[in-house]
Amino acid sequence: MDAPLGKQVIVTALAERPTLNATDRCDRCGAQAYVRVELPGGLELLFCAHHARAHEDKLRDVATSITDESSKLAATPATAADGEI
């Protein structure tokens, strides 16, 4: 990439955030996080699906991006040990 004479070119690459997993916890209650809210300045908050829904309007006002992985909840089948049913 050639820059105009006297101009400097700055190239930045954005790393993709990893998906949330069982070790990611809600900043409000400590349950498993399914929603990542990125704020200005590179800060982030993690929320369980319940707290993300409860604060959604306010979060949308301040977030630079919101990643919602709560669809994982519907995709995970409930299981019970033999004899528990």
N, C-alpha and C. Protein backbone atom coordinates (compact mmCIF):
# COMPACT_ATOMS: atom_id res chain seq x y z
N MET A 1 0.85 -1.17 0.00
CA MET A 1 0.00 0.00 0.00
C MET A 1 0.90 1.23 0.00
N ASP A 2 0.79 2.03 -1.02
CA ASP A 2 1.60 3.23 -1.12
C ASP A 2 0.85 4.41 -0.51
N ALA A 3 1.58 5.18 0.31
CA ALA A 3 1.00 6.37 0.92
C ALA A 3 1.38 7.58 0.10
N PRO A 4 0.50 8.57 0.06
CA PRO A 4 0.88 9.82 -0.62
C PRO A 4 2.13 10.39 0.06
N LEU A 5 2.90 11.10 -0.69
CA LEU A 5 4.15 11.67 -0.19
C LEU A 5 3.90 12.47 1.08
N GLY A 6 4.65 12.15 2.13
CA GLY A 6 4.53 12.86 3.39
C GLY A 6 3.40 12.36 4.28
N LYS A 7 2.66 11.39 3.84
CA LYS A 7 1.55 10.83 4.64
C LYS A 7 1.95 9.46 5.16
N GLN A 8 1.50 9.16 6.34
CA GLN A 8 1.80 7.89 6.96
C GLN A 8 0.54 7.01 6.91
N VAL A 9 0.71 5.74 6.61
CA VAL A 9 -0.40 4.82 6.56
C VAL A 9 -0.37 3.95 7.81
N ILE A 10 -1.49 3.89 8.49
CA ILE A 10 -1.60 3.05 9.68
C ILE A 10 -2.58 1.93 9.37
N VAL A 11 -2.13 0.71 9.55
CA VAL A 11 -2.97 -0.45 9.30
C VAL A 11 -3.21 -1.15 10.63
N THR A 12 -4.46 -1.39 10.94
CA THR A 12 -4.79 -2.11 12.16
C THR A 12 -5.59 -3.35 11.80
N ALA A 13 -5.36 -4.39 12.54
CA ALA A 13 -6.11 -5.63 12.34
C ALA A 13 -6.94 -5.90 13.59
N LEU A 14 -8.17 -6.24 13.39
CA LEU A 14 -9.04 -6.55 14.51
C LEU A 14 -9.07 -8.05 14.71
N ALA A 15 -8.75 -8.47 15.91
CA ALA A 15 -8.82 -9.89 16.23
C ALA A 15 -10.26 -10.23 16.57
N GLU A 16 -10.71 -11.34 16.05
CA GLU A 16 -12.06 -11.78 16.35
C GLU A 16 -12.12 -12.31 17.78
N ARG A 17 -13.14 -11.91 18.50
CA ARG A 17 -13.30 -12.36 19.88
C ARG A 17 -13.69 -13.84 19.89
N PRO A 18 -13.13 -14.61 20.82
CA PRO A 18 -13.53 -16.01 20.91
C PRO A 18 -14.98 -16.11 21.41
N THR A 19 -15.62 -17.20 21.09
CA THR A 19 -16.98 -17.39 21.58
C THR A 19 -16.95 -17.55 23.09
N LEU A 20 -18.05 -17.23 23.71
CA LEU A 20 -18.16 -17.36 25.17
C LEU A 20 -18.22 -18.84 25.53
N ASN A 21 -17.67 -19.19 26.69
CA ASN A 21 -17.70 -20.58 27.13
C ASN A 21 -18.10 -20.65 28.60
N ALA A 22 -18.08 -21.82 29.17
CA ALA A 22 -18.57 -22.04 30.54
C ALA A 22 -17.76 -21.28 31.59
N THR A 23 -16.55 -20.87 31.28
CA THR A 23 -15.77 -20.12 32.27
C THR A 23 -16.08 -18.63 32.26
N ASP A 24 -16.80 -18.15 31.25
CA ASP A 24 -17.20 -16.74 31.18
C ASP A 24 -18.44 -16.56 32.06
N ARG A 25 -18.36 -15.62 33.00
CA ARG A 25 -19.42 -15.46 33.98
C ARG A 25 -20.06 -14.08 33.88
N CYS A 26 -21.33 -14.02 34.21
CA CYS A 26 -22.10 -12.77 34.21
C CYS A 26 -21.51 -11.82 35.25
N ASP A 27 -21.27 -10.58 34.84
CA ASP A 27 -20.73 -9.58 35.75
C ASP A 27 -21.75 -9.14 36.80
N ARG A 28 -22.99 -9.47 36.60
CA ARG A 28 -24.05 -9.07 37.53
C ARG A 28 -24.30 -10.14 38.60
N CYS A 29 -24.38 -11.42 38.18
CA CYS A 29 -24.79 -12.46 39.14
C CYS A 29 -23.86 -13.67 39.21
N GLY A 30 -22.92 -13.79 38.28
CA GLY A 30 -21.99 -14.91 38.29
C GLY A 30 -22.44 -16.14 37.54
N ALA A 31 -23.64 -16.11 36.94
CA ALA A 31 -24.10 -17.24 36.12
C ALA A 31 -23.30 -17.26 34.82
N GLN A 32 -23.46 -18.33 34.05
CA GLN A 32 -22.73 -18.42 32.78
C GLN A 32 -23.15 -17.28 31.87
N ALA A 33 -22.17 -16.63 31.26
CA ALA A 33 -22.43 -15.49 30.37
C ALA A 33 -22.73 -15.97 28.96
N TYR A 34 -23.73 -15.36 28.36
CA TYR A 34 -24.09 -15.64 26.97
C TYR A 34 -24.09 -14.38 26.11
N VAL A 35 -23.87 -13.22 26.73
CA VAL A 35 -23.89 -11.95 26.01
C VAL A 35 -22.64 -11.15 26.37
N ARG A 36 -21.92 -10.70 25.34
CA ARG A 36 -20.75 -9.83 25.53
C ARG A 36 -21.11 -8.45 25.01
N VAL A 37 -20.91 -7.44 25.86
CA VAL A 37 -21.18 -6.05 25.50
C VAL A 37 -19.85 -5.32 25.47
N GLU A 38 -19.50 -4.80 24.30
CA GLU A 38 -18.26 -4.04 24.18
C GLU A 38 -18.60 -2.55 24.30
N LEU A 39 -17.81 -1.86 25.12
CA LEU A 39 -18.01 -0.45 25.40
C LEU A 39 -16.89 0.38 24.78
N PRO A 40 -17.11 1.69 24.65
CA PRO A 40 -16.04 2.54 24.14
C PRO A 40 -14.78 2.38 25.01
N GLY A 41 -13.64 2.48 24.40
CA GLY A 41 -12.38 2.35 25.11
C GLY A 41 -11.92 0.91 25.25
N GLY A 42 -12.64 -0.03 24.61
CA GLY A 42 -12.22 -1.42 24.63
C GLY A 42 -12.68 -2.22 25.84
N LEU A 43 -13.46 -1.62 26.72
CA LEU A 43 -13.97 -2.35 27.88
C LEU A 43 -15.09 -3.28 27.46
N GLU A 44 -15.31 -4.34 28.24
CA GLU A 44 -16.40 -5.25 27.93
C GLU A 44 -17.09 -5.69 29.21
N LEU A 45 -18.36 -5.99 29.07
CA LEU A 45 -19.16 -6.55 30.15
C LEU A 45 -19.73 -7.86 29.65
N LEU A 46 -19.88 -8.82 30.55
CA LEU A 46 -20.48 -10.11 30.22
C LEU A 46 -21.76 -10.26 31.03
N PHE A 47 -22.81 -10.79 30.40
CA PHE A 47 -24.08 -10.97 31.07
C PHE A 47 -24.68 -12.32 30.76
N CYS A 48 -25.41 -12.87 31.73
CA CYS A 48 -26.25 -14.04 31.47
C CYS A 48 -27.40 -13.54 30.60
N ALA A 49 -28.17 -14.44 30.03
CA ALA A 49 -29.27 -14.04 29.15
C ALA A 49 -30.30 -13.21 29.92
N HIS A 50 -30.58 -13.58 31.16
CA HIS A 50 -31.57 -12.87 31.98
C HIS A 50 -31.18 -11.40 32.18
N HIS A 51 -29.96 -11.15 32.63
CA HIS A 51 -29.55 -9.78 32.90
C HIS A 51 -29.32 -8.98 31.61
N ALA A 52 -28.94 -9.63 30.55
CA ALA A 52 -28.81 -8.93 29.26
C ALA A 52 -30.17 -8.42 28.82
N ARG A 53 -31.21 -9.26 28.95
CA ARG A 53 -32.57 -8.83 28.59
C ARG A 53 -33.05 -7.72 29.52
N ALA A 54 -32.75 -7.85 30.82
CA ALA A 54 -33.22 -6.87 31.80
C ALA A 54 -32.62 -5.48 31.55
N HIS A 55 -31.40 -5.41 31.05
CA HIS A 55 -30.72 -4.13 30.85
C HIS A 55 -30.51 -3.78 29.38
N GLU A 56 -31.19 -4.48 28.49
CA GLU A 56 -30.96 -4.34 27.05
C GLU A 56 -31.06 -2.91 26.55
N ASP A 57 -32.09 -2.17 26.93
CA ASP A 57 -32.26 -0.81 26.41
C ASP A 57 -31.09 0.08 26.78
N LYS A 58 -30.66 0.02 28.02
CA LYS A 58 -29.55 0.87 28.48
C LYS A 58 -28.24 0.43 27.82
N LEU A 59 -28.06 -0.89 27.67
CA LEU A 59 -26.83 -1.38 27.05
C LEU A 59 -26.72 -0.94 25.60
N ARG A 60 -27.84 -0.98 24.87
CA ARG A 60 -27.82 -0.57 23.46
C ARG A 60 -27.44 0.91 23.31
N ASP A 61 -27.77 1.72 24.32
CA ASP A 61 -27.44 3.14 24.28
C ASP A 61 -25.93 3.40 24.39
N VAL A 62 -25.21 2.53 25.10
CA VAL A 62 -23.79 2.79 25.37
C VAL A 62 -22.82 1.83 24.67
N ALA A 63 -23.31 0.72 24.16
CA ALA A 63 -22.43 -0.32 23.59
C ALA A 63 -21.92 0.06 22.20
N THR A 64 -20.68 -0.34 21.93
CA THR A 64 -20.18 -0.24 20.56
C THR A 64 -20.55 -1.50 19.79
N SER A 65 -20.70 -2.63 20.49
CA SER A 65 -21.21 -3.86 19.87
C SER A 65 -21.74 -4.79 20.96
N ILE A 66 -22.69 -5.61 20.56
CA ILE A 66 -23.28 -6.60 21.47
C ILE A 66 -23.25 -7.94 20.74
N THR A 67 -22.66 -8.94 21.38
CA THR A 67 -22.63 -10.29 20.83
C THR A 67 -23.52 -11.16 21.71
N ASP A 68 -24.59 -11.66 21.13
CA ASP A 68 -25.57 -12.46 21.88
C ASP A 68 -25.46 -13.92 21.44
N GLU A 69 -25.01 -14.78 22.35
CA GLU A 69 -24.90 -16.21 22.07
C GLU A 69 -25.93 -17.01 22.87
N SER A 70 -27.02 -16.35 23.27
CA SER A 70 -28.04 -17.02 24.07
C SER A 70 -28.78 -18.11 23.30
N SER A 71 -28.60 -18.15 21.98
CA SER A 71 -29.22 -19.24 21.20
C SER A 71 -28.64 -20.59 21.60
N LYS A 72 -27.46 -20.58 22.23
CA LYS A 72 -26.86 -21.83 22.72
C LYS A 72 -27.75 -22.48 23.78
N LEU A 73 -28.54 -21.67 24.48
CA LEU A 73 -29.41 -22.22 25.52
C LEU A 73 -30.46 -23.16 24.92
N ALA A 74 -31.04 -22.79 23.81
CA ALA A 74 -32.06 -23.61 23.17
C ALA A 74 -31.43 -24.83 22.49
N ALA A 75 -30.17 -24.72 22.13
CA ALA A 75 -29.49 -25.81 21.41
C ALA A 75 -28.96 -26.89 22.35
N THR A 76 -28.95 -26.61 23.65
CA THR A 76 -28.40 -27.57 24.61
C THR A 76 -29.54 -28.41 25.19
N PRO A 77 -29.56 -29.71 24.90
CA PRO A 77 -30.65 -30.54 25.43
C PRO A 77 -30.48 -30.75 26.93
N ALA A 78 -31.61 -30.81 27.60
CA ALA A 78 -31.58 -31.12 29.03
C ALA A 78 -31.31 -32.62 29.20
N THR A 79 -30.50 -32.97 30.17
CA THR A 79 -30.21 -34.38 30.41
C THR A 79 -30.44 -34.70 31.87
N ALA A 80 -30.73 -35.92 32.15
CA ALA A 80 -30.89 -36.38 33.52
C ALA A 80 -30.22 -37.73 33.63
N ALA A 81 -29.65 -37.99 34.80
CA ALA A 81 -29.01 -39.27 35.04
C ALA A 81 -30.07 -40.38 35.08
N ASP A 82 -29.65 -41.62 34.79
CA ASP A 82 -30.58 -42.74 34.82
C ASP A 82 -31.27 -42.81 36.18
N GLY A 83 -32.57 -43.00 36.16
CA GLY A 83 -33.35 -43.13 37.39
C GLY A 83 -33.77 -41.80 38.00
N GLU A 84 -33.38 -40.66 37.40
CA GLU A 84 -33.75 -39.38 37.95
C GLU A 84 -35.12 -38.92 37.50
N ILE A 85 -35.63 -39.50 36.43
CA ILE A 85 -36.90 -39.03 35.88
C ILE A 85 -38.06 -39.60 36.64
